[in-house]
């Protein structure tokens, strides 16, 4: 094993660099009273081909972020921890959005606020081992579509998880 000798100035520069690196990525994660983890996540919408009242949509924005609940389950053996599994359990009942659409096929668009119900029982979980921590990603992907009546609905929710 080799030893490295540093001056006080070099050590201070390293400490300053490490503290700056850790400040760049903030993970808004908490543990609730029932032992479940919760994380504040941004929402990325996929609304390609979606219409509102049969009219073209200019843009859809999400009003705020979503708080997603998840569990971390541990599988252990007599020799120690075998693996950790992350599973998404819940989130908000609705997703508030603002739809900007063209009501008269002209250049002027209008805005309308909608609350879209979300079914957290059918969440797609995609594994990503490169996140650097065990938990869920900071972005929730939401796919929107139109139902038979032409209304905008949440067609799918995908959350990235990391387990070991």
N, C-alpha and C. Protein backbone atom coordinates (compact mmCIF):
# COMPACT_ATOMS: atom_id res chain seq x y z
N UNK A 1 0.84 -1.16 0.00
CA UNK A 1 0.00 0.00 0.00
C UNK A 1 0.89 1.24 0.00
N UNK A 2 0.51 2.25 -0.79
CA UNK A 2 1.29 3.48 -0.88
C UNK A 2 0.58 4.58 -0.10
N UNK A 3 1.36 5.50 0.42
CA UNK A 3 0.83 6.64 1.15
C UNK A 3 0.97 7.88 0.28
N UNK A 4 0.01 8.76 0.42
CA UNK A 4 0.06 10.04 -0.29
C UNK A 4 0.19 11.14 0.76
N UNK A 5 1.14 12.02 0.57
CA UNK A 5 1.34 13.13 1.49
C UNK A 5 0.81 14.39 0.81
N UNK A 6 -0.11 15.06 1.50
CA UNK A 6 -0.72 16.28 0.98
C UNK A 6 -0.43 17.44 1.90
N UNK A 7 -0.30 18.62 1.30
CA UNK A 7 -0.19 19.82 2.12
C UNK A 7 -1.60 20.23 2.55
N UNK A 8 -1.67 21.11 3.51
CA UNK A 8 -2.97 21.60 3.99
C UNK A 8 -3.72 22.29 2.86
N UNK A 9 -3.03 23.05 2.04
CA UNK A 9 -3.66 23.74 0.91
C UNK A 9 -4.24 22.74 -0.09
N UNK A 10 -3.51 21.67 -0.40
CA UNK A 10 -4.01 20.66 -1.31
C UNK A 10 -5.23 19.95 -0.73
N UNK A 11 -5.20 19.65 0.55
CA UNK A 11 -6.34 19.01 1.20
C UNK A 11 -7.57 19.91 1.19
N UNK A 12 -7.36 21.21 1.41
CA UNK A 12 -8.48 22.16 1.37
C UNK A 12 -9.08 22.24 -0.03
N UNK A 13 -8.23 22.23 -1.07
CA UNK A 13 -8.74 22.25 -2.44
C UNK A 13 -9.55 21.00 -2.76
N UNK A 14 -9.10 19.86 -2.30
CA UNK A 14 -9.84 18.61 -2.52
C UNK A 14 -11.18 18.66 -1.80
N UNK A 15 -11.17 19.10 -0.55
CA UNK A 15 -12.42 19.20 0.21
C UNK A 15 -13.39 20.17 -0.45
N UNK A 16 -12.90 21.29 -0.95
CA UNK A 16 -13.74 22.27 -1.63
C UNK A 16 -14.34 21.68 -2.91
N UNK A 17 -13.53 20.95 -3.66
CA UNK A 17 -14.00 20.32 -4.90
C UNK A 17 -15.07 19.27 -4.60
N UNK A 18 -14.86 18.46 -3.59
CA UNK A 18 -15.83 17.42 -3.23
C UNK A 18 -17.14 18.05 -2.77
N UNK A 19 -17.08 19.12 -1.98
CA UNK A 19 -18.31 19.76 -1.52
C UNK A 19 -19.06 20.40 -2.67
N UNK A 20 -18.35 20.96 -3.66
CA UNK A 20 -19.02 21.52 -4.84
C UNK A 20 -19.68 20.43 -5.66
N UNK A 21 -19.02 19.27 -5.81
CA UNK A 21 -19.59 18.15 -6.56
C UNK A 21 -20.85 17.65 -5.89
N UNK A 22 -20.86 17.57 -4.57
CA UNK A 22 -22.03 17.03 -3.88
C UNK A 22 -23.18 18.02 -3.89
N UNK A 23 -22.94 19.31 -4.08
CA UNK A 23 -24.00 20.30 -4.12
C UNK A 23 -24.73 20.32 -5.46
N UNK A 24 -24.12 19.80 -6.51
CA UNK A 24 -24.71 19.91 -7.84
C UNK A 24 -25.93 19.02 -8.01
N UNK A 25 -25.99 17.87 -7.35
CA UNK A 25 -27.12 16.97 -7.51
C UNK A 25 -27.82 16.79 -6.16
N UNK A 26 -29.02 17.34 -6.07
CA UNK A 26 -29.78 17.23 -4.85
C UNK A 26 -30.84 16.16 -5.05
N UNK A 27 -30.89 15.20 -4.16
CA UNK A 27 -31.89 14.15 -4.23
C UNK A 27 -32.92 14.42 -3.15
N UNK A 28 -34.15 14.73 -3.55
CA UNK A 28 -35.21 15.08 -2.62
C UNK A 28 -35.94 13.83 -2.17
N UNK A 29 -35.34 13.10 -1.27
CA UNK A 29 -35.88 11.84 -0.81
C UNK A 29 -36.12 11.90 0.69
N UNK A 30 -37.25 11.34 1.14
CA UNK A 30 -37.56 11.28 2.57
C UNK A 30 -38.12 9.92 2.90
N UNK A 31 -38.22 9.65 4.20
CA UNK A 31 -38.87 8.43 4.66
C UNK A 31 -40.12 8.84 5.40
N UNK A 32 -41.26 8.24 5.04
CA UNK A 32 -42.53 8.58 5.68
C UNK A 32 -42.67 7.83 7.00
N UNK A 33 -43.75 8.11 7.71
CA UNK A 33 -43.99 7.48 9.01
C UNK A 33 -44.14 5.97 8.92
N UNK A 34 -44.62 5.45 7.80
CA UNK A 34 -44.83 4.00 7.68
C UNK A 34 -43.61 3.27 7.12
N UNK A 35 -42.46 3.93 7.08
CA UNK A 35 -41.23 3.29 6.62
C UNK A 35 -41.05 3.27 5.12
N UNK A 36 -41.96 3.88 4.40
CA UNK A 36 -41.87 3.94 2.94
C UNK A 36 -41.03 5.15 2.55
N UNK A 37 -40.24 5.01 1.50
CA UNK A 37 -39.45 6.11 0.98
C UNK A 37 -40.32 6.94 0.05
N UNK A 38 -40.03 8.24 -0.01
CA UNK A 38 -40.74 9.13 -0.93
C UNK A 38 -39.73 10.05 -1.58
N UNK A 39 -39.98 10.36 -2.84
CA UNK A 39 -39.06 11.24 -3.57
C UNK A 39 -39.85 12.19 -4.46
N UNK A 40 -39.44 13.44 -4.46
CA UNK A 40 -40.04 14.46 -5.33
C UNK A 40 -39.40 14.32 -6.71
N UNK A 41 -40.22 14.08 -7.73
CA UNK A 41 -39.73 13.82 -9.09
C UNK A 41 -40.31 14.80 -10.09
N UNK A 42 -39.51 15.14 -11.08
CA UNK A 42 -40.01 15.91 -12.22
C UNK A 42 -40.76 14.96 -13.14
N UNK A 43 -41.60 15.52 -14.01
CA UNK A 43 -42.39 14.71 -14.93
C UNK A 43 -42.00 15.06 -16.36
N UNK A 44 -41.72 14.02 -17.15
CA UNK A 44 -41.43 14.18 -18.57
C UNK A 44 -42.61 13.60 -19.35
N UNK A 45 -43.29 14.44 -20.12
CA UNK A 45 -44.49 14.01 -20.84
C UNK A 45 -44.17 13.58 -22.26
N UNK A 46 -44.81 12.50 -22.69
CA UNK A 46 -44.78 12.06 -24.08
C UNK A 46 -46.21 12.18 -24.59
N UNK A 47 -46.46 13.18 -25.44
CA UNK A 47 -47.82 13.41 -25.94
C UNK A 47 -47.86 13.49 -27.47
N UNK A 48 -46.95 12.79 -28.11
CA UNK A 48 -46.92 12.79 -29.57
C UNK A 48 -48.23 12.23 -30.13
N UNK A 49 -48.86 12.98 -31.02
CA UNK A 49 -50.10 12.55 -31.66
C UNK A 49 -51.36 12.79 -30.85
N UNK A 50 -51.23 13.33 -29.66
CA UNK A 50 -52.39 13.58 -28.80
C UNK A 50 -53.07 14.87 -29.26
N UNK A 51 -54.40 14.86 -29.23
CA UNK A 51 -55.20 16.03 -29.59
C UNK A 51 -56.09 16.41 -28.41
N UNK A 52 -56.60 17.64 -28.44
CA UNK A 52 -57.58 18.07 -27.45
C UNK A 52 -58.83 18.54 -28.20
N UNK A 53 -59.94 17.89 -27.94
CA UNK A 53 -61.20 18.16 -28.65
C UNK A 53 -61.00 18.04 -30.16
N UNK A 54 -60.15 17.10 -30.55
CA UNK A 54 -59.87 16.87 -31.96
C UNK A 54 -58.96 17.89 -32.59
N UNK A 55 -58.44 18.82 -31.81
CA UNK A 55 -57.60 19.91 -32.34
C UNK A 55 -56.13 19.68 -31.98
N UNK A 56 -55.26 20.26 -32.79
CA UNK A 56 -53.81 20.13 -32.61
C UNK A 56 -53.37 20.78 -31.30
N UNK A 57 -52.43 20.12 -30.62
CA UNK A 57 -51.88 20.64 -29.37
C UNK A 57 -50.53 21.28 -29.66
N UNK A 58 -50.35 22.50 -29.12
CA UNK A 58 -49.07 23.19 -29.25
C UNK A 58 -48.10 22.72 -28.18
N UNK A 59 -48.58 22.59 -26.93
CA UNK A 59 -47.71 22.24 -25.82
C UNK A 59 -48.55 21.75 -24.64
N UNK A 60 -47.94 20.91 -23.80
CA UNK A 60 -48.55 20.50 -22.54
C UNK A 60 -47.50 20.64 -21.46
N UNK A 61 -47.86 21.34 -20.40
CA UNK A 61 -46.96 21.54 -19.27
C UNK A 61 -47.56 20.89 -18.03
N UNK A 62 -46.69 20.35 -17.19
CA UNK A 62 -47.10 19.79 -15.90
C UNK A 62 -47.00 20.90 -14.86
N UNK A 63 -48.03 21.02 -14.03
CA UNK A 63 -48.01 22.02 -12.96
C UNK A 63 -47.32 21.42 -11.73
N UNK A 64 -46.04 21.66 -11.60
CA UNK A 64 -45.28 21.17 -10.45
C UNK A 64 -44.66 19.81 -10.69
N UNK A 65 -44.23 19.22 -9.59
CA UNK A 65 -43.60 17.90 -9.63
C UNK A 65 -44.52 16.91 -8.92
N UNK A 66 -44.10 15.65 -8.87
CA UNK A 66 -44.91 14.62 -8.21
C UNK A 66 -44.09 13.95 -7.12
N UNK A 67 -44.74 13.58 -6.04
CA UNK A 67 -44.09 12.84 -4.95
C UNK A 67 -44.45 11.37 -5.12
N UNK A 68 -43.40 10.56 -5.34
CA UNK A 68 -43.58 9.13 -5.62
C UNK A 68 -43.11 8.32 -4.42
N UNK A 69 -43.94 7.38 -3.98
CA UNK A 69 -43.59 6.50 -2.87
C UNK A 69 -43.03 5.18 -3.38
N UNK A 70 -42.04 4.65 -2.66
CA UNK A 70 -41.45 3.37 -3.06
C UNK A 70 -40.91 2.64 -1.84
N UNK A 71 -40.76 1.35 -1.99
CA UNK A 71 -40.18 0.51 -0.94
C UNK A 71 -38.83 -0.02 -1.39
N UNK A 72 -37.96 -0.26 -0.43
CA UNK A 72 -36.70 -0.95 -0.68
C UNK A 72 -36.74 -2.21 0.17
N UNK A 73 -36.87 -3.35 -0.50
CA UNK A 73 -36.96 -4.63 0.19
C UNK A 73 -35.61 -5.33 0.13
N UNK A 74 -35.26 -5.98 1.23
CA UNK A 74 -33.96 -6.63 1.33
C UNK A 74 -34.14 -8.15 1.39
N UNK A 75 -33.35 -8.84 0.59
CA UNK A 75 -33.29 -10.30 0.65
C UNK A 75 -31.97 -10.66 1.31
N UNK A 76 -32.04 -11.39 2.41
CA UNK A 76 -30.81 -11.70 3.14
C UNK A 76 -30.63 -13.20 3.30
N UNK A 77 -29.42 -13.57 3.55
CA UNK A 77 -29.02 -14.95 3.80
C UNK A 77 -28.25 -14.98 5.11
N UNK A 78 -27.84 -16.16 5.52
CA UNK A 78 -27.08 -16.27 6.77
C UNK A 78 -25.73 -15.55 6.67
N UNK A 79 -25.21 -15.40 5.46
CA UNK A 79 -23.92 -14.76 5.26
C UNK A 79 -24.03 -13.25 5.04
N UNK A 80 -25.26 -12.71 4.93
CA UNK A 80 -25.42 -11.26 4.77
C UNK A 80 -26.52 -10.91 3.79
N UNK A 81 -26.45 -9.72 3.23
CA UNK A 81 -27.46 -9.22 2.30
C UNK A 81 -27.19 -9.78 0.91
N UNK A 82 -28.20 -10.42 0.32
CA UNK A 82 -28.07 -10.96 -1.03
C UNK A 82 -28.43 -9.89 -2.06
N UNK A 83 -29.55 -9.20 -1.84
CA UNK A 83 -29.95 -8.19 -2.81
C UNK A 83 -30.94 -7.20 -2.18
N UNK A 84 -31.08 -6.07 -2.84
CA UNK A 84 -32.05 -5.04 -2.47
C UNK A 84 -32.95 -4.80 -3.68
N UNK A 85 -34.26 -4.75 -3.47
CA UNK A 85 -35.22 -4.54 -4.55
C UNK A 85 -36.00 -3.26 -4.30
N UNK A 86 -36.17 -2.48 -5.34
CA UNK A 86 -36.94 -1.24 -5.26
C UNK A 86 -38.24 -1.46 -6.00
N UNK A 87 -39.36 -1.08 -5.37
CA UNK A 87 -40.66 -1.19 -6.03
C UNK A 87 -41.47 0.07 -5.76
N UNK A 88 -42.05 0.61 -6.81
CA UNK A 88 -42.87 1.82 -6.72
C UNK A 88 -44.23 1.42 -6.16
N UNK A 89 -44.71 2.17 -5.16
CA UNK A 89 -45.97 1.82 -4.52
C UNK A 89 -47.09 2.81 -4.78
N UNK A 90 -46.78 4.10 -4.84
CA UNK A 90 -47.85 5.07 -5.04
C UNK A 90 -47.32 6.42 -5.50
N UNK A 91 -48.26 7.29 -5.80
CA UNK A 91 -47.97 8.65 -6.22
C UNK A 91 -49.25 9.44 -6.13
N UNK A 92 -49.29 10.62 -6.71
CA UNK A 92 -50.51 11.42 -6.64
C UNK A 92 -51.64 10.78 -7.44
N UNK A 93 -52.88 11.02 -6.99
CA UNK A 93 -54.04 10.45 -7.68
C UNK A 93 -54.27 11.10 -9.04
N UNK A 94 -53.88 12.36 -9.17
CA UNK A 94 -54.07 13.07 -10.43
C UNK A 94 -52.80 13.81 -10.82
N UNK A 95 -52.69 14.12 -12.10
CA UNK A 95 -51.59 14.89 -12.63
C UNK A 95 -52.16 16.18 -13.21
N UNK A 96 -51.86 17.33 -12.59
CA UNK A 96 -52.37 18.61 -13.11
C UNK A 96 -51.52 19.08 -14.30
N UNK A 97 -52.18 19.35 -15.41
CA UNK A 97 -51.48 19.80 -16.62
C UNK A 97 -52.16 21.04 -17.19
N UNK A 98 -51.41 21.75 -18.02
CA UNK A 98 -51.95 22.87 -18.81
C UNK A 98 -51.76 22.51 -20.27
N UNK A 99 -52.86 22.48 -21.02
CA UNK A 99 -52.83 22.15 -22.44
C UNK A 99 -52.98 23.43 -23.25
N UNK A 100 -52.05 23.66 -24.17
CA UNK A 100 -52.14 24.78 -25.10
C UNK A 100 -52.50 24.19 -26.46
N UNK A 101 -53.65 24.57 -26.98
CA UNK A 101 -54.12 23.97 -28.24
C UNK A 101 -54.69 25.05 -29.15
N UNK A 102 -54.88 24.69 -30.41
CA UNK A 102 -55.42 25.59 -31.42
C UNK A 102 -56.89 25.25 -31.65
N UNK A 103 -57.83 26.03 -31.09
CA UNK A 103 -59.24 25.67 -31.19
C UNK A 103 -59.83 25.88 -32.59
N UNK A 104 -59.29 26.82 -33.35
CA UNK A 104 -59.88 27.16 -34.65
C UNK A 104 -58.92 26.94 -35.80
N UNK A 105 -57.94 26.06 -35.62
CA UNK A 105 -56.95 25.79 -36.67
C UNK A 105 -56.24 27.05 -37.15
N UNK A 106 -56.19 28.08 -36.31
CA UNK A 106 -55.51 29.32 -36.65
C UNK A 106 -54.19 29.44 -35.93
N UNK A 107 -53.69 30.69 -35.85
CA UNK A 107 -52.42 30.95 -35.19
C UNK A 107 -52.58 31.19 -33.69
N UNK A 108 -53.80 31.45 -33.23
CA UNK A 108 -54.03 31.75 -31.83
C UNK A 108 -54.37 30.48 -31.06
N UNK A 109 -53.67 30.26 -29.95
CA UNK A 109 -53.93 29.08 -29.14
C UNK A 109 -54.60 29.48 -27.85
N UNK A 110 -55.23 28.51 -27.21
CA UNK A 110 -55.88 28.72 -25.93
C UNK A 110 -55.29 27.74 -24.92
N UNK A 111 -55.43 28.08 -23.63
CA UNK A 111 -54.95 27.22 -22.55
C UNK A 111 -56.12 26.69 -21.75
N UNK A 112 -55.97 25.45 -21.30
CA UNK A 112 -56.95 24.87 -20.39
C UNK A 112 -56.21 23.98 -19.39
N UNK A 113 -56.63 24.05 -18.13
CA UNK A 113 -56.04 23.21 -17.09
C UNK A 113 -56.87 21.95 -16.94
N UNK A 114 -56.19 20.81 -16.85
CA UNK A 114 -56.85 19.52 -16.67
C UNK A 114 -56.20 18.76 -15.52
N UNK A 115 -56.97 17.88 -14.89
CA UNK A 115 -56.47 16.96 -13.86
C UNK A 115 -56.65 15.56 -14.42
N UNK A 116 -55.54 14.88 -14.72
CA UNK A 116 -55.60 13.55 -15.30
C UNK A 116 -55.39 12.49 -14.22
N UNK A 117 -56.32 11.53 -14.08
CA UNK A 117 -56.11 10.46 -13.08
C UNK A 117 -54.95 9.55 -13.48
N UNK A 118 -54.21 9.09 -12.46
CA UNK A 118 -53.07 8.20 -12.67
C UNK A 118 -53.31 6.89 -11.94
N UNK A 119 -53.07 5.76 -12.64
CA UNK A 119 -53.17 4.44 -12.03
C UNK A 119 -51.76 3.96 -11.68
N UNK A 120 -51.42 3.98 -10.39
CA UNK A 120 -50.09 3.59 -9.95
C UNK A 120 -49.94 2.08 -9.82
N UNK A 121 -51.02 1.33 -10.01
CA UNK A 121 -50.93 -0.13 -9.93
C UNK A 121 -50.26 -0.73 -11.16
N UNK A 122 -50.24 0.02 -12.26
CA UNK A 122 -49.67 -0.52 -13.50
C UNK A 122 -48.43 0.26 -13.95
N UNK A 123 -47.63 0.72 -13.00
CA UNK A 123 -46.42 1.47 -13.32
C UNK A 123 -45.37 0.55 -13.93
N UNK A 124 -44.74 1.01 -14.99
CA UNK A 124 -43.60 0.28 -15.58
C UNK A 124 -42.34 0.70 -14.83
N UNK A 125 -41.57 -0.27 -14.38
CA UNK A 125 -40.32 0.01 -13.70
C UNK A 125 -39.16 -0.42 -14.58
N UNK A 126 -38.32 0.54 -14.94
CA UNK A 126 -37.15 0.26 -15.76
C UNK A 126 -35.91 0.32 -14.89
N UNK A 127 -35.08 -0.69 -14.97
CA UNK A 127 -33.88 -0.77 -14.14
C UNK A 127 -32.73 -0.01 -14.80
N UNK A 128 -32.01 0.76 -13.99
CA UNK A 128 -30.83 1.49 -14.45
C UNK A 128 -29.78 1.39 -13.34
N UNK A 129 -28.74 0.63 -13.60
CA UNK A 129 -27.72 0.39 -12.58
C UNK A 129 -26.69 1.51 -12.49
N UNK A 130 -26.82 2.56 -13.31
CA UNK A 130 -25.80 3.62 -13.34
C UNK A 130 -26.18 4.85 -12.53
N UNK A 131 -27.27 4.78 -11.73
CA UNK A 131 -27.71 5.98 -11.01
C UNK A 131 -26.79 6.34 -9.85
N UNK A 132 -26.06 5.39 -9.29
CA UNK A 132 -25.14 5.69 -8.21
C UNK A 132 -25.75 5.59 -6.83
N UNK A 133 -26.99 5.21 -6.74
CA UNK A 133 -27.66 5.01 -5.45
C UNK A 133 -28.79 4.01 -5.65
N UNK A 134 -29.34 3.51 -4.55
CA UNK A 134 -30.46 2.57 -4.61
C UNK A 134 -31.73 3.37 -4.36
N UNK A 135 -32.65 3.34 -5.30
CA UNK A 135 -33.88 4.11 -5.18
C UNK A 135 -34.52 4.27 -6.54
N UNK A 136 -35.20 5.41 -6.74
CA UNK A 136 -35.85 5.69 -8.02
C UNK A 136 -35.20 6.91 -8.66
N UNK A 137 -35.39 7.04 -9.96
CA UNK A 137 -34.85 8.18 -10.69
C UNK A 137 -35.58 9.46 -10.36
N UNK A 138 -34.99 10.57 -10.73
CA UNK A 138 -35.55 11.88 -10.40
C UNK A 138 -36.56 12.37 -11.43
N UNK A 139 -36.82 11.55 -12.47
CA UNK A 139 -37.78 11.91 -13.50
C UNK A 139 -38.75 10.76 -13.71
N UNK A 140 -40.03 11.07 -13.74
CA UNK A 140 -41.08 10.09 -14.04
C UNK A 140 -41.55 10.36 -15.46
N UNK A 141 -41.54 9.33 -16.30
CA UNK A 141 -42.00 9.46 -17.69
C UNK A 141 -43.48 9.10 -17.75
N UNK A 142 -44.28 10.02 -18.32
CA UNK A 142 -45.72 9.81 -18.43
C UNK A 142 -46.12 9.89 -19.90
N UNK A 143 -46.75 8.84 -20.39
CA UNK A 143 -47.24 8.80 -21.78
C UNK A 143 -48.72 9.15 -21.78
N UNK A 144 -49.07 10.13 -22.60
CA UNK A 144 -50.46 10.54 -22.74
C UNK A 144 -51.01 10.04 -24.07
N UNK A 145 -52.32 9.83 -24.11
CA UNK A 145 -52.99 9.45 -25.35
C UNK A 145 -54.43 9.93 -25.27
N UNK A 146 -55.19 9.63 -26.30
CA UNK A 146 -56.62 9.96 -26.33
C UNK A 146 -57.43 8.68 -26.17
N UNK A 147 -58.52 8.76 -25.40
CA UNK A 147 -59.42 7.61 -25.29
C UNK A 147 -60.43 7.65 -26.45
N UNK A 148 -61.42 6.74 -26.42
CA UNK A 148 -62.40 6.66 -27.51
C UNK A 148 -63.21 7.94 -27.68
N UNK A 149 -63.42 8.67 -26.56
CA UNK A 149 -64.17 9.93 -26.63
C UNK A 149 -63.30 11.12 -27.02
N UNK A 150 -62.00 10.89 -27.21
CA UNK A 150 -61.10 11.97 -27.60
C UNK A 150 -60.49 12.72 -26.42
N UNK A 151 -60.78 12.28 -25.19
CA UNK A 151 -60.24 12.95 -24.02
C UNK A 151 -58.78 12.53 -23.81
N UNK A 152 -58.00 13.43 -23.20
CA UNK A 152 -56.60 13.13 -22.89
C UNK A 152 -56.56 12.27 -21.64
N UNK A 153 -55.80 11.16 -21.71
CA UNK A 153 -55.68 10.26 -20.56
C UNK A 153 -54.21 9.89 -20.36
N UNK A 154 -53.88 9.44 -19.15
CA UNK A 154 -52.55 8.90 -18.88
C UNK A 154 -52.55 7.45 -19.35
N UNK A 155 -51.72 7.17 -20.35
CA UNK A 155 -51.66 5.83 -20.95
C UNK A 155 -50.60 4.95 -20.30
N UNK A 156 -49.63 5.56 -19.66
CA UNK A 156 -48.58 4.78 -19.02
C UNK A 156 -47.66 5.65 -18.19
N UNK A 157 -47.11 5.06 -17.13
CA UNK A 157 -46.15 5.74 -16.26
C UNK A 157 -44.93 4.85 -16.13
N UNK A 158 -43.75 5.43 -16.33
CA UNK A 158 -42.50 4.68 -16.21
C UNK A 158 -41.60 5.37 -15.20
N UNK A 159 -41.10 4.58 -14.25
CA UNK A 159 -40.19 5.07 -13.22
C UNK A 159 -38.92 4.24 -13.30
N UNK A 160 -37.78 4.91 -13.29
CA UNK A 160 -36.50 4.23 -13.30
C UNK A 160 -36.12 3.83 -11.87
N UNK A 161 -35.69 2.58 -11.69
CA UNK A 161 -35.30 2.10 -10.37
C UNK A 161 -33.88 1.53 -10.44
N UNK A 162 -33.21 1.51 -9.28
CA UNK A 162 -31.92 0.86 -9.16
C UNK A 162 -31.98 -0.09 -8.00
N UNK A 163 -31.68 -1.34 -8.25
CA UNK A 163 -31.60 -2.38 -7.22
C UNK A 163 -30.25 -3.05 -7.33
N UNK A 164 -29.90 -3.80 -6.32
CA UNK A 164 -28.67 -4.60 -6.41
C UNK A 164 -28.98 -6.01 -5.94
